[in-house]
Structure formats: C-alpha cells, structure tokens
C-alpha atoms as a PDB file:
ATOM      1  CA  MET A   1     -39.017  44.958 -67.736  1.00  0.00           C
ATOM      2  CA  CYS A   2     -39.371  48.769 -67.897  1.00  0.00           C
ATOM      3  CA  LEU A   3     -39.574  50.643 -71.193  1.00  0.00           C
ATOM      4  CA  GLU A   4     -36.055  52.059 -70.857  1.00  0.00           C
ATOM      5  CA  THR A   5     -34.562  48.601 -70.314  1.00  0.00           C
ATOM      6  CA  LEU A   6     -36.511  47.183 -73.255  1.00  0.00           C
ATOM      7  CA  MET A   7     -35.343  49.964 -75.561  1.00  0.00           C
ATOM      8  CA  GLY A   8     -31.779  49.499 -74.377  1.00  0.00           C
ATOM      9  CA  PHE A   9     -32.050  45.762 -74.976  1.00  0.00           C
ATOM     10  CA  CYS A  10     -33.145  46.341 -78.566  1.00  0.00           C
ATOM     11  CA  LEU A  11     -30.422  48.948 -79.164  1.00  0.00           C
ATOM     12  CA  TYR A  12     -27.648  46.780 -77.739  1.00  0.00           C
ATOM     13  CA  SER A  13     -28.867  43.799 -79.712  1.00  0.00           C
ATOM     14  CA  LEU A  14     -28.565  45.781 -82.936  1.00  0.00           C
ATOM     15  CA  LEU A  15     -25.184  47.339 -82.141  1.00  0.00           C
ATOM     16  CA  PHE A  16     -23.186  44.638 -80.410  1.00  0.00           C
ATOM     17  CA  ILE A  17     -24.834  41.224 -80.544  1.00  0.00           C
ATOM     18  CA  SER A  18     -25.087  39.692 -83.961  1.00  0.00           C
ATOM     19  CA  PRO A  19     -27.889  37.171 -84.372  1.00  0.00           C
ATOM     20  CA  PRO A  20     -26.866  33.604 -85.075  1.00  0.00           C
ATOM     21  CA  ASP A  21     -26.356  32.638 -88.670  1.00  0.00           C
ATOM     22  CA  PHE A  22     -28.734  29.955 -89.832  1.00  0.00           C
ATOM     23  CA  PRO A  23     -27.427  27.619 -92.537  1.00  0.00           C
ATOM     24  CA  VAL A  24     -29.342  27.739 -95.780  1.00  0.00           C
ATOM     25  CA  THR A  25     -29.695  24.408 -97.550  1.00  0.00           C
ATOM     26  CA  PRO A  26     -29.515  24.854-101.332  1.00  0.00           C
ATOM     27  CA  GLN A  27     -32.341  23.292-103.304  1.00  0.00           C
ATOM     28  CA  LYS A  28     -31.251  20.519-105.650  1.00  0.00           C
ATOM     29  CA  LEU A  29     -33.154  18.888-108.455  1.00  0.00           C
ATOM     30  CA  GLY A  30     -33.721  15.165-108.492  1.00  0.00           C
ATOM     31  CA  PRO A  31     -34.412  12.635-105.763  1.00  0.00           C
ATOM     32  CA  VAL A  32     -33.810  13.660-102.174  1.00  0.00           C
ATOM     33  CA  VAL A  33     -32.273  11.239 -99.719  1.00  0.00           C
ATOM     34  CA  ILE A  34     -33.312  11.811 -96.127  1.00  0.00           C
ATOM     35  CA  GLN A  35     -30.755  10.563 -93.637  1.00  0.00           C
ATOM     36  CA  GLY A  36     -31.630   9.653 -90.125  1.00  0.00           C
ATOM     37  CA  ASN A  37     -30.589  12.221 -87.538  1.00  0.00           C
ATOM     38  CA  ASN A  38     -31.463  12.388 -83.897  1.00  0.00           C
ATOM     39  CA  LYS A  39     -31.089  16.202 -83.884  1.00  0.00           C
ATOM     40  CA  ASN A  40     -34.011  18.352 -84.901  1.00  0.00           C
ATOM     41  CA  PRO A  41     -32.864  21.342 -87.004  1.00  0.00           C
ATOM     42  CA  ALA A  42     -35.790  23.436 -85.801  1.00  0.00           C
ATOM     43  CA  SER A  43     -34.989  22.794 -82.148  1.00  0.00           C
ATOM     44  CA  GLU A  44     -31.309  23.628 -82.766  1.00  0.00           C
ATOM     45  CA  LYS A  45     -32.267  26.958 -84.290  1.00  0.00           C
ATOM     46  CA  LEU A  46     -34.574  27.725 -81.395  1.00  0.00           C
ATOM     47  CA  GLU A  47     -31.832  26.846 -78.926  1.00  0.00           C
ATOM     48  CA  ARG A  48     -29.387  29.186 -80.647  1.00  0.00           C
ATOM     49  CA  VAL A  49     -31.948  31.964 -80.666  1.00  0.00           C
ATOM     50  CA  ARG A  50     -32.635  31.360 -76.983  1.00  0.00           C
ATOM     51  CA  LYS A  51     -28.934  31.558 -76.070  1.00  0.00           C
ATOM     52  CA  TRP A  52     -28.462  34.657 -78.195  1.00  0.00           C
ATOM     53  CA  SER A  53     -31.476  36.333 -76.566  1.00  0.00           C
ATOM     54  CA  ILE A  54     -30.177  35.544 -73.074  1.00  0.00           C
ATOM     55  CA  THR A  55     -26.741  36.965 -73.939  1.00  0.00           C
ATOM     56  CA  ALA A  56     -28.279  40.070 -75.484  1.00  0.00           C
ATOM     57  CA  TYR A  57     -30.455  40.637 -72.424  1.00  0.00           C
ATOM     58  CA  LYS A  58     -27.552  40.204 -70.000  1.00  0.00           C
ATOM     59  CA  CYS A  59     -25.336  42.562 -72.001  1.00  0.00           C
ATOM     60  CA  THR A  60     -28.077  45.176 -72.285  1.00  0.00           C
ATOM     61  CA  LYS A  61     -28.680  45.002 -68.565  1.00  0.00           C
ATOM     62  CA  GLN A  62     -24.952  45.393 -67.887  1.00  0.00           C
ATOM     63  CA  ALA A  63     -24.604  48.329 -70.286  1.00  0.00           C
ATOM     64  CA  LEU A  64     -27.562  50.143 -68.730  1.00  0.00           C
ATOM     65  CA  SER A  65     -26.242  49.496 -65.220  1.00  0.00           C
ATOM     66  CA  GLU A  66     -22.882  51.015 -66.150  1.00  0.00           C
ATOM     67  CA  LYS A  67     -24.548  53.993 -67.810  1.00  0.00           C
ATOM     68  CA  LEU A  68     -26.654  54.645 -64.724  1.00  0.00           C
ATOM     69  CA  GLY A  69     -23.643  54.238 -62.457  1.00  0.00           C
ATOM     70  CA  ARG A  70     -25.036  51.214 -60.635  1.00  0.00           C
ATOM     71  CA  GLY A  71     -22.955  48.382 -62.041  1.00  0.00           C
ATOM     72  CA  SER A  72     -19.279  47.543 -61.827  1.00  0.00           C
ATOM     73  CA  ARG A  73     -17.100  47.279 -64.911  1.00  0.00           C
ATOM     74  CA  THR A  74     -13.697  45.854 -65.693  1.00  0.00           C
ATOM     75  CA  VAL A  75     -11.113  48.563 -66.355  1.00  0.00           C
ATOM     76  CA  ASP A  76      -7.729  47.903 -67.940  1.00  0.00           C
ATOM     77  CA  LEU A  77      -5.537  50.642 -66.487  1.00  0.00           C
ATOM     78  CA  ASP A  78      -2.924  50.225 -69.220  1.00  0.00           C
ATOM     79  CA  LEU A  79      -5.033  49.871 -72.372  1.00  0.00           C
ATOM     80  CA  GLU A  80      -8.016  52.149 -71.807  1.00  0.00           C
ATOM     81  CA  PRO A  81      -6.028  55.390 -71.169  1.00  0.00           C
ATOM     82  CA  ARG A  82      -4.170  54.730 -74.417  1.00  0.00           C
ATOM     83  CA  LEU A  83      -7.465  54.247 -76.244  1.00  0.00           C
ATOM     84  CA  ASP A  84      -8.789  57.525 -74.834  1.00  0.00           C
ATOM     85  CA  LEU A  85      -5.602  59.290 -75.919  1.00  0.00           C
ATOM     86  CA  LEU A  86      -5.911  57.748 -79.386  1.00  0.00           C
ATOM     87  CA  LYS A  87      -9.496  59.021 -79.731  1.00  0.00           C
ATOM     88  CA  ASP A  88      -8.422  62.494 -78.653  1.00  0.00           C
ATOM     89  CA  ASP A  89      -5.452  62.480 -81.044  1.00  0.00           C
ATOM     90  CA  ARG A  90      -7.665  61.354 -83.894  1.00  0.00           C
ATOM     91  CA  GLN A  91     -10.039  64.262 -83.303  1.00  0.00           C
ATOM     92  CA  ARG A  92      -7.142  66.735 -83.206  1.00  0.00           C
ATOM     93  CA  TYR A  93      -5.557  65.273 -86.346  1.00  0.00           C
ATOM     94  CA  ASN A  94      -8.887  65.505 -88.121  1.00  0.00           C
ATOM     95  CA  ASN A  95      -9.221  69.169 -87.157  1.00  0.00           C
ATOM     96  CA  MET A  96      -5.647  69.860 -88.287  1.00  0.00           C
ATOM     97  CA  THR A  97      -6.315  68.179 -91.634  1.00  0.00           C
ATOM     98  CA  LYS A  98      -9.442  70.280 -92.210  1.00  0.00           C
ATOM     99  CA  LEU A  99      -7.441  73.437 -91.497  1.00  0.00           C
ATOM    100  CA  ALA A 100      -4.777  72.280 -93.975  1.00  0.00           C
ATOM    101  CA  GLN A 101      -7.528  71.755 -96.577  1.00  0.00           C
ATOM    102  CA  THR A 102      -8.780  75.284 -95.969  1.00  0.00           C
ATOM    103  CA  LEU A 103      -5.233  76.651 -96.287  1.00  0.00           C
ATOM    104  CA  ALA A 104      -4.623  74.768 -99.539  1.00  0.00           C
ATOM    105  CA  SER A 105      -7.902  76.058-100.973  1.00  0.00           C
ATOM    106  CA  GLN A 106      -7.120  79.649-100.013  1.00  0.00           C
ATOM    107  CA  ILE A 107      -3.572  79.509-101.400  1.00  0.00           C
ATOM    108  CA  ALA A 108      -4.894  77.961-104.636  1.00  0.00           C
ATOM    109  CA  GLN A 109      -7.362  80.830-105.032  1.00  0.00           C
ATOM    110  CA  PHE A 110      -4.592  83.310-104.206  1.00  0.00           C
ATOM    111  CA  THR A 111      -2.292  81.840-106.875  1.00  0.00           C
ATOM    112  CA  VAL A 112      -5.060  82.090-109.470  1.00  0.00           C
ATOM    113  CA  THR A 113      -5.468  85.784-108.630  1.00  0.00           C
ATOM    114  CA  GLN A 114      -1.690  86.306-108.823  1.00  0.00           C
ATOM    115  CA  LYS A 115      -1.528  84.621-112.220  1.00  0.00           C
ATOM    116  CA  THR A 116      -4.415  86.721-113.523  1.00  0.00           C
ATOM    117  CA  LEU A 117      -2.775  89.873-112.183  1.00  0.00           C
ATOM    118  CA  GLY A 118       0.507  88.879-113.827  1.00  0.00           C
ATOM    119  CA  ASP A 119      -1.289  88.493-117.178  1.00  0.00           C
ATOM    120  CA  ALA A 120      -2.810  91.968-116.748  1.00  0.00           C
ATOM    121  CA  PHE A 121       0.633  93.451-116.001  1.00  0.00           C
ATOM    122  CA  ASN A 122       2.065  91.696-119.053  1.00  0.00           C
ATOM    123  CA  GLU A 123      -0.604  93.136-121.365  1.00  0.00           C
ATOM    124  CA  LEU A 124      -0.054  96.625-119.981  1.00  0.00           C
ATOM    125  CA  SER A 125       3.709  96.184-120.464  1.00  0.00           C
ATOM    126  CA  VAL A 126       3.155  95.589-124.168  1.00  0.00           C
ATOM    127  CA  LYS A 127       0.708  98.466-124.553  1.00  0.00           C
ATOM    128  CA  SER A 128       2.699 100.972-122.470  1.00  0.00           C
ATOM    129  CA  PRO A 129       6.162 101.528-123.982  1.00  0.00           C
ATOM    130  CA  MET A 130       6.992 104.200-121.418  1.00  0.00           C
ATOM    131  CA  LEU A 131       6.265 101.762-118.535  1.00  0.00           C
ATOM    132  CA  HIS A 132       7.353  98.578-120.259  1.00  0.00           C
ATOM    133  CA  VAL A 133      10.007  97.730-117.672  1.00  0.00           C
ATOM    134  CA  GLU A 134       7.858  98.535-114.629  1.00  0.00           C
ATOM    135  CA  PHE A 135       4.870  96.511-115.774  1.00  0.00           C
ATOM    136  CA  GLY A 136       7.146  93.723-116.973  1.00  0.00           C
ATOM    137  CA  VAL A 137       8.902  93.416-113.615  1.00  0.00           C
ATOM    138  CA  ASN A 138       5.588  93.147-111.756  1.00  0.00           C
ATOM    139  CA  ALA A 139       4.227  90.663-114.295  1.00  0.00           C
ATOM    140  CA  GLU A 140       7.283  88.455-113.867  1.00  0.00           C
ATOM    141  CA  ALA A 141       7.051  88.670-110.061  1.00  0.00           C
ATOM    142  CA  GLN A 142       3.370  87.709-109.910  1.00  0.00           C
ATOM    143  CA  LYS A 143       3.848  84.788-112.292  1.00  0.00           C
ATOM    144  CA  PHE A 144       6.786  83.494-110.261  1.00  0.00           C
ATOM    145  CA  LEU A 145       4.855  83.798-107.000  1.00  0.00           C
ATOM    146  CA  SER A 146       1.860  82.061-108.567  1.00  0.00           C
ATOM    147  CA  LYS A 147       3.962  79.133-109.803  1.00  0.00           C
ATOM    148  CA  SER A 148       5.693  78.784-106.438  1.00  0.00           C
ATOM    149  CA  GLY A 149       2.272  78.872-104.726  1.00  0.00           C
ATOM    150  CA  GLU A 150       1.028  76.049-106.958  1.00  0.00           C
ATOM    151  CA  THR A 151       4.002  73.925-105.892  1.00  0.00           C
ATOM    152  CA  LEU A 152       3.210  74.667-102.258  1.00  0.00           C
ATOM    153  CA  VAL A 153      -0.440  73.685-102.774  1.00  0.00           C
ATOM    154  CA  ASP A 154       0.662  70.340-104.238  1.00  0.00           C
ATOM    155  CA  SER A 155       2.816  69.708-101.166  1.00  0.00           C
ATOM    156  CA  ILE A 156      -0.027  70.585 -98.789  1.00  0.00           C
ATOM    157  CA  ASN A 157      -2.407  68.311-100.706  1.00  0.00           C
ATOM    158  CA  THR A 158       0.091  65.452-100.372  1.00  0.00           C
ATOM    159  CA  PHE A 159       0.194  66.089 -96.633  1.00  0.00           C
ATOM    160  CA  ILE A 160      -3.626  66.081 -96.518  1.00  0.00           C
ATOM    161  CA  PHE A 161      -3.837  62.807 -98.449  1.00  0.00           C
ATOM    162  CA  ASP A 162      -1.417  61.033 -96.115  1.00  0.00           C
ATOM    163  CA  MET A 163      -3.195  62.418 -93.034  1.00  0.00           C
ATOM    164  CA  ASN A 164      -6.557  61.202 -94.343  1.00  0.00           C
ATOM    165  CA  THR A 165      -5.032  57.751 -94.864  1.00  0.00           C
ATOM    166  CA  LEU A 166      -3.748  57.749 -91.290  1.00  0.00           C
ATOM    167  CA  ILE A 167      -7.042  58.989 -89.810  1.00  0.00           C
ATOM    168  CA  ASN A 168      -9.669  57.245 -91.926  1.00  0.00           C
ATOM    169  CA  LYS A 169      -7.906  53.938 -92.587  1.00  0.00           C
ATOM    170  CA  THR A 170      -5.138  53.163 -90.106  1.00  0.00           C
ATOM    171  CA  ILE A 171      -6.687  54.672 -86.973  1.00  0.00           C
ATOM    172  CA  GLU A 172     -10.244  53.826 -88.051  1.00  0.00           C
ATOM    173  CA  ASP A 173      -9.287  50.145 -88.323  1.00  0.00           C
ATOM    174  CA  THR A 174      -8.110  50.245 -84.710  1.00  0.00           C
ATOM    175  CA  MET A 175     -11.305  52.061 -83.675  1.00  0.00           C
ATOM    176  CA  ILE A 176     -13.367  49.202 -85.136  1.00  0.00           C
ATOM    177  CA  ASN A 177     -11.369  46.735 -83.058  1.00  0.00           C
ATOM    178  CA  THR A 178     -11.910  48.997 -80.046  1.00  0.00           C
ATOM    179  CA  LYS A 179     -15.687  48.752 -80.462  1.00  0.00           C
ATOM    180  CA  GLN A 180     -15.430  44.978 -80.707  1.00  0.00           C
ATOM    181  CA  TYR A 181     -13.257  44.934 -77.584  1.00  0.00           C
ATOM    182  CA  GLU A 182     -15.797  47.069 -75.701  1.00  0.00           C
ATOM    183  CA  ALA A 183     -18.624  44.722 -76.720  1.00  0.00           C
ATOM    184  CA  SER A 184     -16.568  41.742 -75.531  1.00  0.00           C
ATOM    185  CA  ARG A 185     -15.790  43.513 -72.274  1.00  0.00           C
ATOM    186  CA  ILE A 186     -19.479  44.221 -71.599  1.00  0.00           C
ATOM    187  CA  GLU A 187     -20.357  40.601 -72.347  1.00  0.00           C
ATOM    188  CA  TYR A 188     -17.605  39.411 -70.014  1.00  0.00           C
ATOM    189  CA  ASP A 189     -18.766  41.730 -67.227  1.00  0.00           C
ATOM    190  CA  ALA A 190     -22.360  40.617 -67.703  1.00  0.00           C
ATOM    191  CA  TYR A 191     -21.474  36.982 -67.032  1.00  0.00           C
ATOM    192  CA  ARG A 192     -19.074  37.998 -64.264  1.00  0.00           C
ATOM    193  CA  VAL A 193     -21.874  39.836 -62.452  1.00  0.00           C
ATOM    194  CA  ASP A 194     -24.193  36.889 -63.063  1.00  0.00           C
ATOM    195  CA  LEU A 195     -21.659  34.523 -61.476  1.00  0.00           C
ATOM    196  CA  GLU A 196     -21.126  36.846 -58.511  1.00  0.00           C
ATOM    197  CA  GLU A 197     -24.886  36.971 -57.862  1.00  0.00           C
ATOM    198  CA  LEU A 198     -25.135  33.168 -57.968  1.00  0.00           C
ATOM    199  CA  ASN A 199     -22.238  32.880 -55.509  1.00  0.00           C
ATOM    200  CA  LEU A 200     -24.177  34.990 -53.007  1.00  0.00           C
ATOM    201  CA  LYS A 201     -27.146  32.623 -53.063  1.00  0.00           C
ATOM    202  CA  PRO A 202     -27.392  29.552 -50.786  1.00  0.00           C
ATOM    203  CA  ARG A 203     -25.728  26.400 -52.105  1.00  0.00           C
ATOM    204  CA  ASP A 204     -28.286  23.653 -52.667  1.00  0.00           C
ATOM    205  CA  GLU A 205     -29.114  21.022 -55.246  1.00  0.00           C
ATOM    206  CA  ALA A 206     -31.002  23.554 -57.397  1.00  0.00           C
ATOM    207  CA  THR A 207     -28.309  26.237 -57.492  1.00  0.00           C
ATOM    208  CA  LEU A 208     -25.179  24.056 -57.780  1.00  0.00           C
ATOM    209  CA  PRO A 209     -25.787  23.009 -61.432  1.00  0.00           C
ATOM    210  CA  LYS A 210     -26.526  26.630 -62.344  1.00  0.00           C
ATOM    211  CA  LEU A 211     -23.380  27.746 -60.552  1.00  0.00           C
ATOM    212  CA  GLU A 212     -21.223  25.216 -62.368  1.00  0.00           C
ATOM    213  CA  GLN A 213     -22.707  26.193 -65.721  1.00  0.00           C
ATOM    214  CA  ALA A 214     -22.245  29.896 -64.957  1.00  0.00           C
ATOM    215  CA  GLN A 215     -18.620  29.227 -63.995  1.00  0.00           C
ATOM    216  CA  GLU A 216     -17.955  27.484 -67.309  1.00  0.00           C
ATOM    217  CA  VAL A 217     -19.573  30.262 -69.351  1.00  0.00           C
ATOM    218  CA  PHE A 218     -17.725  32.913 -67.348  1.00  0.00           C
ATOM    219  CA  GLN A 219     -14.385  31.217 -67.944  1.00  0.00           C
ATOM    220  CA  SER A 220     -15.083  31.021 -71.675  1.00  0.00           C
ATOM    221  CA  GLN A 221     -16.036  34.703 -71.806  1.00  0.00           C
ATOM    222  CA  ARG A 222     -12.971  35.637 -69.774  1.00  0.00           C
ATOM    223  CA  GLU A 223     -10.633  33.852 -72.184  1.00  0.00           C
ATOM    224  CA  LYS A 224     -12.344  35.535 -75.112  1.00  0.00           C
ATOM    225  CA  TYR A 225     -12.084  38.968 -73.454  1.00  0.00           C
ATOM    226  CA  LEU A 226      -8.419  38.539 -72.494  1.00  0.00           C
ATOM    227  CA  LYS A 227      -7.471  37.426 -76.002  1.00  0.00           C
ATOM    228  CA  MET A 228      -9.234  40.400 -77.574  1.00  0.00           C
ATOM    229  CA  ARG A 229      -7.633  42.741 -75.042  1.00  0.00           C
ATOM    230  CA  ASP A 230      -4.139  41.398 -75.747  1.00  0.00           C
ATOM    231  CA  ASP A 231      -4.657  41.578 -79.521  1.00  0.00           C
ATOM    232  CA  LEU A 232      -5.921  45.149 -79.286  1.00  0.00           C
ATOM    233  CA  SER A 233      -3.041  46.139 -77.005  1.00  0.00           C
ATOM    234  CA  VAL A 234      -0.501  44.877 -79.564  1.00  0.00           C
ATOM    235  CA  LYS A 235      -2.355  46.657 -82.369  1.00  0.00           C
ATOM    236  CA  VAL A 236      -2.407  49.946 -80.454  1.00  0.00           C
ATOM    237  CA  LYS A 237       1.342  49.732 -79.815  1.00  0.00           C
ATOM    238  CA  LEU A 238       2.026  49.097 -83.506  1.00  0.00           C
ATOM    239  CA  LEU A 239      -0.286  51.962 -84.419  1.00  0.00           C
ATOM    240  CA  GLU A 240       1.545  54.325 -82.067  1.00  0.00           C
ATOM    241  CA  GLU A 241       4.886  53.465 -83.692  1.00  0.00           C
ATOM    242  CA  ASN A 242       3.478  53.825 -87.201  1.00  0.00           C
ATOM    243  CA  ARG A 243       1.725  57.088 -86.300  1.00  0.00           C
ATOM    244  CA  VAL A 244       4.955  58.632 -85.036  1.00  0.00           C
ATOM    245  CA  LYS A 245       6.863  57.608 -88.176  1.00  0.00           C
ATOM    246  CA  VAL A 246       4.171  58.915 -90.530  1.00  0.00           C
ATOM    247  CA  LEU A 247       3.789  62.228 -88.715  1.00  0.00           C
ATOM    248  CA  HIS A 248       7.565  62.650 -88.404  1.00  0.00           C
ATOM    249  CA  ASN A 249       8.020  62.347 -92.175  1.00  0.00           C
ATOM    250  CA  GLN A 250       4.949  64.316 -93.231  1.00  0.00           C
ATOM    251  CA  LEU A 251       5.475  67.218 -90.843  1.00  0.00           C
ATOM    252  CA  TRP A 252       9.077  67.678 -91.971  1.00  0.00           C
ATOM    253  CA  LEU A 253       8.065  67.469 -95.637  1.00  0.00           C
ATOM    254  CA  LEU A 254       5.350  70.067 -95.099  1.00  0.00           C
ATOM    255  CA  HIS A 255       7.734  72.352 -93.221  1.00  0.00           C
ATOM    256  CA  SER A 256      10.348  71.980 -95.976  1.00  0.00           C
ATOM    257  CA  ALA A 257       7.766  72.844 -98.644  1.00  0.00           C
ATOM    258  CA  VAL A 258       6.665  75.985 -96.793  1.00  0.00           C
ATOM    259  CA  ALA A 259      10.270  77.014 -96.176  1.00  0.00           C
ATOM    260  CA  ALA A 260      11.240  76.415 -99.819  1.00  0.00           C
ATOM    261  CA  HIS A 261       8.271  78.493-100.994  1.00  0.00           C
ATOM    262  CA  CYS A 262       9.114  81.408 -98.723  1.00  0.00           C
ATOM    263  CA  LEU A 263      12.853  81.318 -99.467  1.00  0.00           C
ATOM    264  CA  SER A 264      12.398  81.088-103.235  1.00  0.00           C
ATOM    265  CA  CYS A 265       9.928  83.985-103.223  1.00  0.00           C
ATOM    266  CA  HIS A 266      12.197  86.060-100.998  1.00  0.00           C
ATOM    267  CA  SER A 267      15.296  85.353-103.139  1.00  0.00           C
ATOM    268  CA  PHE A 268      13.466  86.144-106.367  1.00  0.00           C
ATOM    269  CA  LEU A 269      12.001  89.410-105.084  1.00  0.00           C
ATOM    270  CA  GLN A 270      15.295  90.470-103.527  1.00  0.00           C
ATOM    271  CA  GLN A 271      17.083  89.889-106.827  1.00  0.00           C
ATOM    272  CA  ASN A 272      14.422  91.873-108.671  1.00  0.00           C
ATOM    273  CA  ILE A 273      14.750  94.767-106.242  1.00  0.00           C
ATOM    274  CA  GLN A 274      18.513  94.866-106.788  1.00  0.00           C
ATOM    275  CA  GLU A 275      18.088  94.878-110.568  1.00  0.00           C
ATOM    276  CA  ILE A 276      15.494  97.637-110.342  1.00  0.00           C
ATOM    277  CA  GLY A 277      17.800  99.666-108.092  1.00  0.00           C
ATOM    278  CA  GLU A 278      20.616  99.368-110.611  1.00  0.00           C
ATOM    279  CA  ASN A 279      18.328 100.494-113.431  1.00  0.00           C
ATOM    280  CA  LEU A 280      17.066 103.465-111.443  1.00  0.00           C
ATOM    281  CA  SER A 281      20.618 104.566-110.618  1.00  0.00           C
ATOM    282  CA  LYS A 282      21.509 104.876-114.298  1.00  0.00           C
ATOM    283  CA  PRO A 283      21.103 108.276-115.990  1.00  0.00           C
ATOM    284  CA  SER A 284      17.572 108.809-117.183  1.00  0.00           C
ATOM    285  CA  THR A 285      16.972 108.636-120.943  1.00  0.00           C
ATOM    286  CA  ASP A 286      13.311 109.618-120.714  1.00  0.00           C
ATOM    287  CA  ALA A 287      11.951 112.061-123.257  1.00  0.00           C
ATOM    288  CA  PRO A 288      11.703 115.680-121.998  1.00  0.00           C
ATOM    289  CA  SER A 289       8.373 116.826-120.602  1.00  0.00           C
ATOM    290  CA  TRP A 290       6.139 118.941-122.822  1.00  0.00           C
ATOM    291  CA  LEU A 291       6.497 121.694-120.201  1.00  0.00           C
ATOM    292  CA  GLU A 292      10.273 121.657-120.713  1.00  0.00           C
ATOM    293  CA  GLU A 293       9.853 121.782-124.469  1.00  0.00           C
ATOM    294  CA  SER A 294       7.560 124.784-124.186  1.00  0.00           C
END
C-alpha cells in the first residue's frame, strides 16, 4: 500500500467509519459466577475489529479512486442536485446574514450619534434664547430619528436571529444527515465494486463462496444506502418547504420594518418643515440690530 493510500485510509477511518463499540462489564463486589459459553469474548472483539478494518480499507480505496477519477460512483440524479443547491443557498444565506449584522451595527452606531447630537441641540436651545426654536426643532428631529432607528435595529436583529436559526440549526441538521448519506454511499459503492470484480473472475470452488458472501454483503449495504437516501430525500423536501415559509415571513417583516422607518421619518420631517415654514412666514418680532439703533 502506497503512502497516499495509507494516509487516506487513516483519514477516512477517522471521518466516516466509527470503530466498533466494545461492551464494558461493570465490576461487582462479591462472588463471581462464571457461566459456560462456547464463544470467546476476545475472539469476538478481534472479529469485529477485523470486519471494521476491512470495511474501512474498502471505503478508503473507493474514496481515493473517486477523487483520482478512476472509480465509478453511484449518482442520484434527483437528490444530489438538490443537495448542491442547498449547500449553495446556505452559503448565500450566511453571507446575507453577515451583511444584515453589519447593517444593524452601523445603524446602531448612527442612532447613538443622532441621539448625542440631539442632546447637544437641546442644550444649545436652552442656552440660546435667540435660537431657541431653531435648536429645539433640530433636537426634536434627531431624537425622533434616533428612536426610529433603534426600532429598525431591533427588527433587523430579529431577522438575523431567525436566519441564524435556519442556517445553523435547521439546515445544519440536514447537512449532518448529508454527510452520513455520503459515507453510506461510499460504503455501498465499495462493496458494489468488490462484487463486480469478483463477477469478472472465473467461477470455481474457491471463488463461489466468496461471491455468495459478497452478494449478501452488497445486498445489505444496498438496502442501508437506499433507506438513508429515501430518508434524506424526505428531509430535504420538508426543509425546502420550511425554508420557503420562514424566508417568506422574515423577508416581508424586514421590508415592513424598513418601510415603516422611512415613512415615519419622512412624515415627521415633512410636518416639521411645514411648521417651520408657517413660523417663518409670520411677521418677525426680532429685536432691532445694533446698527439700526445707532
């Protein structure tokens, strides 16, 4: 076995093939009764390790063959394109969520600045009797905009929370099942290739028992693979329906929050401008300039 194959074998064994669980017999105090048993526990453990090692080797060999483009693999033309689309959608949703987090952070900082500016205008309104109205109008505007911005930030954060739940819990759960399905598919293909190679060999007394055993193992792996494929297919369909419902609700809620923020700010500022225009149209009651008095 070459170094690359050996390294691949070790990697695949760690990632996909779990070693057999050995039962641990708890120690009890008092007399121990030894019952007769024809089976040797040590030999059973060794047999399980041997089978696990053979499976791990076959799967590693199959995975390397596929990676090098030399081996054939089973492709489900209905399920696998949907899995690829799901992976791509997850990456895009994750990027969108990060951008929403950046937007929420920037708006939050902006609202803090607006609130601070409103406080500064308010102080100057008190200390400047001649410009009390002007400073007061700007102070009121900045405080209103800041409060409306805080409401918008809360709405964006709600959108971010629900998107993180969809990405990191709902879709991630399906991704875990996808990895298990891929491991099962590789194991199935490994025994399929093994059976195909045995079928090409001459039929004699030495190969017939091996062929029958390989056929039984292949059939067992095929049933396991088909069951996992069907279960994953159902889960992906349910995920697609749930994803559409979640995004439909959250996108409309986010759009409504942005629209409400913009409309409320526009209405408030428009009303302020009208009030200011009415005040400016009134006759001026300002004190005469010192130049006029002189």
